[in-house]
Amino acid sequence: MNFHLDLIQDKVEFFEASSLKELERKVNEQIEVNQKIMLGVHSVTHHIHVEDNGRKTWSAVVHFKVRKV
């Protein structure tokens, strides 16, 4: 029986929250998780969307790549 593991080279994750503080918390939690599988942050893009009623939605896209040792 052959058992083969492939390392994740890069991964993109999307986040959404109703406040910037909540968005930051979500992203930081996932950074810690991904560091355990040897992925570091390559880039971050974030946006805010304001609806007609004034409700704000914060979003972020984080690109993780394998960390070079």
PDB file of N, CA and C in Angstrom:
ATOM      1  N   MET A   1       0.843  -1.182   0.000  1.00  0.00           N
ATOM      2  CA  MET A   1       0.000   0.000   0.000  1.00  0.00           C
ATOM      3  C   MET A   1       0.886   1.241   0.000  1.00  0.00           C
ATOM      4  N   ASN A   2       0.684   2.119  -0.963  1.00  0.00           N
ATOM      5  CA  ASN A   2       1.432   3.368  -1.033  1.00  0.00           C
ATOM      6  C   ASN A   2       0.640   4.486  -0.369  1.00  0.00           C
ATOM      7  N   PHE A   3       1.344   5.267   0.415  1.00  0.00           N
ATOM      8  CA  PHE A   3       0.736   6.412   1.093  1.00  0.00           C
ATOM      9  C   PHE A   3       1.539   7.638   0.709  1.00  0.00           C
ATOM     10  N   HIS A   4       0.892   8.607   0.104  1.00  0.00           N
ATOM     11  CA  HIS A   4       1.598   9.777  -0.401  1.00  0.00           C
ATOM     12  C   HIS A   4       0.934  11.057   0.115  1.00  0.00           C
ATOM     13  N   LEU A   5       1.725  11.945   0.678  1.00  0.00           N
ATOM     14  CA  LEU A   5       1.222  13.228   1.158  1.00  0.00           C
ATOM     15  C   LEU A   5       1.738  14.349   0.270  1.00  0.00           C
ATOM     16  N   ASP A   6       0.866  15.228  -0.142  1.00  0.00           N
ATOM     17  CA  ASP A   6       1.261  16.425  -0.874  1.00  0.00           C
ATOM     18  C   ASP A   6       1.117  17.630   0.043  1.00  0.00           C
ATOM     19  N   LEU A   7       2.110  18.475   0.038  1.00  0.00           N
ATOM     20  CA  LEU A   7       2.034  19.702   0.826  1.00  0.00           C
ATOM     21  C   LEU A   7       1.193  20.741   0.103  1.00  0.00           C
ATOM     22  N   ILE A   8       0.430  21.483   0.859  1.00  0.00           N
ATOM     23  CA  ILE A   8      -0.317  22.595   0.284  1.00  0.00           C
ATOM     24  C   ILE A   8       0.685  23.706  -0.008  1.00  0.00           C
ATOM     25  N   GLN A   9       0.750  24.146  -1.246  1.00  0.00           N
ATOM     26  CA  GLN A   9       1.706  25.186  -1.637  1.00  0.00           C
ATOM     27  C   GLN A   9       1.142  26.591  -1.413  1.00  0.00           C
ATOM     28  N   ASP A  10      -0.126  26.764  -1.742  1.00  0.00           N
ATOM     29  CA  ASP A  10      -0.762  28.048  -1.468  1.00  0.00           C
ATOM     30  C   ASP A  10      -2.269  27.853  -1.364  1.00  0.00           C
ATOM     31  N   LYS A  11      -2.903  28.843  -0.725  1.00  0.00           N
ATOM     32  CA  LYS A  11      -4.327  28.727  -0.448  1.00  0.00           C
ATOM     33  C   LYS A  11      -4.882  30.134  -0.294  1.00  0.00           C
ATOM     34  N   VAL A  12      -6.091  30.357  -0.764  1.00  0.00           N
ATOM     35  CA  VAL A  12      -6.752  31.654  -0.658  1.00  0.00           C
ATOM     36  C   VAL A  12      -7.991  31.474   0.204  1.00  0.00           C
ATOM     37  N   GLU A  13      -8.160  32.366   1.187  1.00  0.00           N
ATOM     38  CA  GLU A  13      -9.320  32.288   2.072  1.00  0.00           C
ATOM     39  C   GLU A  13     -10.040  33.628   2.080  1.00  0.00           C
ATOM     40  N   PHE A  14     -11.361  33.559   2.243  1.00  0.00           N
ATOM     41  CA  PHE A  14     -12.215  34.739   2.224  1.00  0.00           C
ATOM     42  C   PHE A  14     -12.871  34.908   3.589  1.00  0.00           C
ATOM     43  N   PHE A  15     -12.967  36.153   4.038  1.00  0.00           N
ATOM     44  CA  PHE A  15     -13.537  36.453   5.347  1.00  0.00           C
ATOM     45  C   PHE A  15     -14.533  37.602   5.222  1.00  0.00           C
ATOM     46  N   GLU A  16     -15.554  37.591   6.095  1.00  0.00           N
ATOM     47  CA  GLU A  16     -16.548  38.651   6.103  1.00  0.00           C
ATOM     48  C   GLU A  16     -16.991  38.878   7.543  1.00  0.00           C
ATOM     49  N   ALA A  17     -17.216  40.153   7.895  1.00  0.00           N
ATOM     50  CA  ALA A  17     -17.643  40.484   9.253  1.00  0.00           C
ATOM     51  C   ALA A  17     -18.387  41.813   9.251  1.00  0.00           C
ATOM     52  N   SER A  18     -19.089  42.063  10.346  1.00  0.00           N
ATOM     53  CA  SER A  18     -19.851  43.304  10.457  1.00  0.00           C
ATOM     54  C   SER A  18     -19.050  44.439  11.087  1.00  0.00           C
ATOM     55  N   SER A  19     -17.817  44.149  11.532  1.00  0.00           N
ATOM     56  CA  SER A  19     -16.948  45.205  12.064  1.00  0.00           C
ATOM     57  C   SER A  19     -15.495  44.883  11.708  1.00  0.00           C
ATOM     58  N   LEU A  20     -14.695  45.912  11.668  1.00  0.00           N
ATOM     59  CA  LEU A  20     -13.277  45.720  11.358  1.00  0.00           C
ATOM     60  C   LEU A  20     -12.590  44.882  12.436  1.00  0.00           C
ATOM     61  N   LYS A  21     -12.954  45.109  13.694  1.00  0.00           N
ATOM     62  CA  LYS A  21     -12.347  44.359  14.796  1.00  0.00           C
ATOM     63  C   LYS A  21     -12.662  42.861  14.679  1.00  0.00           C
ATOM     64  N   GLU A  22     -13.904  42.534  14.333  1.00  0.00           N
ATOM     65  CA  GLU A  22     -14.297  41.130  14.166  1.00  0.00           C
ATOM     66  C   GLU A  22     -13.566  40.506  12.974  1.00  0.00           C
ATOM     67  N   LEU A  23     -13.436  41.255  11.896  1.00  0.00           N
ATOM     68  CA  LEU A  23     -12.718  40.762  10.720  1.00  0.00           C
ATOM     69  C   LEU A  23     -11.257  40.474  11.069  1.00  0.00           C
ATOM     70  N   GLU A  24     -10.636  41.390  11.783  1.00  0.00           N
ATOM     71  CA  GLU A  24      -9.240  41.205  12.189  1.00  0.00           C
ATOM     72  C   GLU A  24      -9.088  39.958  13.064  1.00  0.00           C
ATOM     73  N   ARG A  25     -10.024  39.732  13.966  1.00  0.00           N
ATOM     74  CA  ARG A  25      -9.983  38.556  14.842  1.00  0.00           C
ATOM     75  C   ARG A  25     -10.066  37.269  14.015  1.00  0.00           C
ATOM     76  N   LYS A  26     -10.991  37.234  13.053  1.00  0.00           N
ATOM     77  CA  LYS A  26     -11.150  36.050  12.211  1.00  0.00           C
ATOM     78  C   LYS A  26      -9.887  35.758  11.401  1.00  0.00           C
ATOM     79  N   VAL A  27      -9.317  36.804  10.816  1.00  0.00           N
ATOM     80  CA  VAL A  27      -8.107  36.629  10.010  1.00  0.00           C
ATOM     81  C   VAL A  27      -6.948  36.155  10.880  1.00  0.00           C
ATOM     82  N   ASN A  28      -6.773  36.765  12.043  1.00  0.00           N
ATOM     83  CA  ASN A  28      -5.673  36.375  12.935  1.00  0.00           C
ATOM     84  C   ASN A  28      -5.803  34.931  13.409  1.00  0.00           C
ATOM     85  N   GLU A  29      -7.026  34.493  13.692  1.00  0.00           N
ATOM     86  CA  GLU A  29      -7.228  33.098  14.092  1.00  0.00           C
ATOM     87  C   GLU A  29      -6.809  32.146  12.975  1.00  0.00           C
ATOM     88  N   GLN A  30      -7.155  32.485  11.746  1.00  0.00           N
ATOM     89  CA  GLN A  30      -6.812  31.607  10.627  1.00  0.00           C
ATOM     90  C   GLN A  30      -5.321  31.652  10.308  1.00  0.00           C
ATOM     91  N   ILE A  31      -4.685  32.787  10.541  1.00  0.00           N
ATOM     92  CA  ILE A  31      -3.229  32.873  10.357  1.00  0.00           C
ATOM     93  C   ILE A  31      -2.542  31.879  11.287  1.00  0.00           C
ATOM     94  N   GLU A  32      -2.995  31.809  12.542  1.00  0.00           N
ATOM     95  CA  GLU A  32      -2.410  30.872  13.503  1.00  0.00           C
ATOM     96  C   GLU A  32      -2.602  29.427  13.050  1.00  0.00           C
ATOM     97  N   VAL A  33      -3.787  29.110  12.544  1.00  0.00           N
ATOM     98  CA  VAL A  33      -4.069  27.751  12.060  1.00  0.00           C
ATOM     99  C   VAL A  33      -3.154  27.410  10.892  1.00  0.00           C
ATOM    100  N   ASN A  34      -3.020  28.329   9.945  1.00  0.00           N
ATOM    101  CA  ASN A  34      -2.225  28.059   8.752  1.00  0.00           C
ATOM    102  C   ASN A  34      -0.727  28.015   9.041  1.00  0.00           C
ATOM    103  N   GLN A  35      -0.277  28.715  10.066  1.00  0.00           N
ATOM    104  CA  GLN A  35       1.142  28.635  10.432  1.00  0.00           C
ATOM    105  C   GLN A  35       1.507  27.225  10.868  1.00  0.00           C
ATOM    106  N   LYS A  36       0.547  26.516  11.439  1.00  0.00           N
ATOM    107  CA  LYS A  36       0.800  25.145  11.890  1.00  0.00           C
ATOM    108  C   LYS A  36       1.007  24.189  10.717  1.00  0.00           C
ATOM    109  N   ILE A  37       0.491  24.552   9.554  1.00  0.00           N
ATOM    110  CA  ILE A  37       0.718  23.715   8.365  1.00  0.00           C
ATOM    111  C   ILE A  37       1.708  24.392   7.413  1.00  0.00           C
ATOM    112  N   MET A  38       2.568  25.234   7.992  1.00  0.00           N
ATOM    113  CA  MET A  38       3.696  25.860   7.296  1.00  0.00           C
ATOM    114  C   MET A  38       3.288  26.847   6.196  1.00  0.00           C
ATOM    115  N   LEU A  39       2.136  27.508   6.359  1.00  0.00           N
ATOM    116  CA  LEU A  39       1.720  28.532   5.412  1.00  0.00           C
ATOM    117  C   LEU A  39       1.823  29.899   6.072  1.00  0.00           C
ATOM    118  N   GLY A  40       2.374  30.850   5.346  1.00  0.00           N
ATOM    119  CA  GLY A  40       2.469  32.217   5.826  1.00  0.00           C
ATOM    120  C   GLY A  40       1.658  33.137   4.926  1.00  0.00           C
ATOM    121  N   VAL A  41       1.396  34.339   5.399  1.00  0.00           N
ATOM    122  CA  VAL A  41       0.607  35.307   4.632  1.00  0.00           C
ATOM    123  C   VAL A  41       1.453  35.848   3.489  1.00  0.00           C
ATOM    124  N   HIS A  42       0.921  35.756   2.291  1.00  0.00           N
ATOM    125  CA  HIS A  42       1.580  36.313   1.109  1.00  0.00           C
ATOM    126  C   HIS A  42       1.003  37.696   0.787  1.00  0.00           C
ATOM    127  N   SER A  43      -0.319  37.814   0.830  1.00  0.00           N
ATOM    128  CA  SER A  43      -0.943  39.119   0.588  1.00  0.00           C
ATOM    129  C   SER A  43      -2.334  39.158   1.214  1.00  0.00           C
ATOM    130  N   VAL A  44      -2.791  40.392   1.472  1.00  0.00           N
ATOM    131  CA  VAL A  44      -4.113  40.628   2.049  1.00  0.00           C
ATOM    132  C   VAL A  44      -4.772  41.760   1.278  1.00  0.00           C
ATOM    133  N   THR A  45      -6.035  41.565   0.929  1.00  0.00           N
ATOM    134  CA  THR A  45      -6.833  42.617   0.303  1.00  0.00           C
ATOM    135  C   THR A  45      -8.106  42.747   1.128  1.00  0.00           C
ATOM    136  N   HIS A  46      -8.508  43.982   1.409  1.00  0.00           N
ATOM    137  CA  HIS A  46      -9.721  44.156   2.200  1.00  0.00           C
ATOM    138  C   HIS A  46     -10.582  45.263   1.612  1.00  0.00           C
ATOM    139  N   HIS A  47     -11.880  45.163   1.878  1.00  0.00           N
ATOM    140  CA  HIS A  47     -12.853  46.120   1.354  1.00  0.00           C
ATOM    141  C   HIS A  47     -13.943  46.351   2.385  1.00  0.00           C
ATOM    142  N   ILE A  48     -14.633  47.468   2.232  1.00  0.00           N
ATOM    143  CA  ILE A  48     -15.818  47.728   3.028  1.00  0.00           C
ATOM    144  C   ILE A  48     -16.956  48.040   2.066  1.00  0.00           C
ATOM    145  N   HIS A  49     -18.106  47.461   2.352  1.00  0.00           N
ATOM    146  CA  HIS A  49     -19.299  47.710   1.545  1.00  0.00           C
ATOM    147  C   HIS A  49     -20.328  48.384   2.450  1.00  0.00           C
ATOM    148  N   VAL A  50     -20.856  49.518   2.011  1.00  0.00           N
ATOM    149  CA  VAL A  50     -21.876  50.230   2.771  1.00  0.00           C
ATOM    150  C   VAL A  50     -23.192  50.143   2.002  1.00  0.00           C
ATOM    151  N   GLU A  51     -24.196  49.573   2.666  1.00  0.00           N
ATOM    152  CA  GLU A  51     -25.505  49.443   2.032  1.00  0.00           C
ATOM    153  C   GLU A  51     -26.268  50.763   2.132  1.00  0.00           C
ATOM    154  N   ASP A  52     -27.398  50.851   1.435  1.00  0.00           N
ATOM    155  CA  ASP A  52     -28.210  52.068   1.435  1.00  0.00           C
ATOM    156  C   ASP A  52     -28.668  52.472   2.834  1.00  0.00           C
ATOM    157  N   ASN A  53     -28.891  51.494   3.696  1.00  0.00           N
ATOM    158  CA  ASN A  53     -29.348  51.789   5.061  1.00  0.00           C
ATOM    159  C   ASN A  53     -28.195  52.116   6.015  1.00  0.00           C
ATOM    160  N   GLY A  54     -26.973  52.162   5.507  1.00  0.00           N
ATOM    161  CA  GLY A  54     -25.810  52.510   6.322  1.00  0.00           C
ATOM    162  C   GLY A  54     -25.093  51.318   6.942  1.00  0.00           C
ATOM    163  N   ARG A  55     -25.631  50.138   6.772  1.00  0.00           N
ATOM    164  CA  ARG A  55     -24.994  48.931   7.319  1.00  0.00           C
ATOM    165  C   ARG A  55     -23.697  48.665   6.576  1.00  0.00           C
ATOM    166  N   LYS A  56     -22.631  48.410   7.352  1.00  0.00           N
ATOM    167  CA  LYS A  56     -21.305  48.163   6.773  1.00  0.00           C
ATOM    168  C   LYS A  56     -20.957  46.683   6.864  1.00  0.00           C
ATOM    169  N   THR A  57     -20.338  46.185   5.815  1.00  0.00           N
ATOM    170  CA  THR A  57     -19.818  44.822   5.796  1.00  0.00           C
ATOM    171  C   THR A  57     -18.357  44.885   5.377  1.00  0.00           C
ATOM    172  N   TRP A  58     -17.510  44.337   6.216  1.00  0.00           N
ATOM    173  CA  TRP A  58     -16.073  44.297   5.953  1.00  0.00           C
ATOM    174  C   TRP A  58     -15.726  42.929   5.380  1.00  0.00           C
ATOM    175  N   SER A  59     -14.849  42.912   4.397  1.00  0.00           N
ATOM    176  CA  SER A  59     -14.416  41.636   3.821  1.00  0.00           C
ATOM    177  C   SER A  59     -12.917  41.671   3.559  1.00  0.00           C
ATOM    178  N   ALA A  60     -12.340  40.481   3.529  1.00  0.00           N
ATOM    179  CA  ALA A  60     -10.903  40.369   3.271  1.00  0.00           C
ATOM    180  C   ALA A  60     -10.631  39.079   2.506  1.00  0.00           C
ATOM    181  N   VAL A  61      -9.615  39.139   1.667  1.00  0.00           N
ATOM    182  CA  VAL A  61      -9.102  37.971   0.966  1.00  0.00           C
ATOM    183  C   VAL A  61      -7.642  37.842   1.379  1.00  0.00           C
ATOM    184  N   VAL A  62      -7.292  36.681   1.903  1.00  0.00           N
ATOM    185  CA  VAL A  62      -5.921  36.453   2.365  1.00  0.00           C
ATOM    186  C   VAL A  62      -5.332  35.303   1.554  1.00  0.00           C
ATOM    187  N   HIS A  63      -4.183  35.571   0.944  1.00  0.00           N
ATOM    188  CA  HIS A  63      -3.465  34.566   0.161  1.00  0.00           C
ATOM    189  C   HIS A  63      -2.325  34.035   1.023  1.00  0.00           C
ATOM    190  N   PHE A  64      -2.380  32.751   1.315  1.00  0.00           N
ATOM    191  CA  PHE A  64      -1.338  32.090   2.100  1.00  0.00           C
ATOM    192  C   PHE A  64      -0.449  31.290   1.148  1.00  0.00           C
ATOM    193  N   LYS A  65       0.845  31.322   1.414  1.00  0.00           N
ATOM    194  CA  LYS A  65       1.804  30.530   0.625  1.00  0.00           C
ATOM    195  C   LYS A  65       2.718  29.776   1.588  1.00  0.00           C
ATOM    196  N   VAL A  66       3.284  28.691   1.070  1.00  0.00           N
ATOM    197  CA  VAL A  66       4.188  27.889   1.881  1.00  0.00           C
ATOM    198  C   VAL A  66       5.371  28.749   2.313  1.00  0.00           C
ATOM    199  N   ARG A  67       5.748  28.600   3.580  1.00  0.00           N
ATOM    200  CA  ARG A  67       6.886  29.360   4.114  1.00  0.00           C
ATOM    201  C   ARG A  67       8.179  28.660   3.737  1.00  0.00           C
ATOM    202  N   LYS A  68       9.127  29.446   3.288  1.00  0.00           N
ATOM    203  CA  LYS A  68      10.450  28.888   2.963  1.00  0.00           C
ATOM    204  C   LYS A  68      11.249  28.768   4.243  1.00  0.00           C
ATOM    205  N   VAL A  69      11.806  27.603   4.465  1.00  0.00           N
ATOM    206  CA  VAL A  69      12.567  27.337   5.696  1.00  0.00           C
ATOM    207  C   VAL A  69      14.016  27.647   5.494  1.00  0.00           C
TER     208      VAL A  69
END
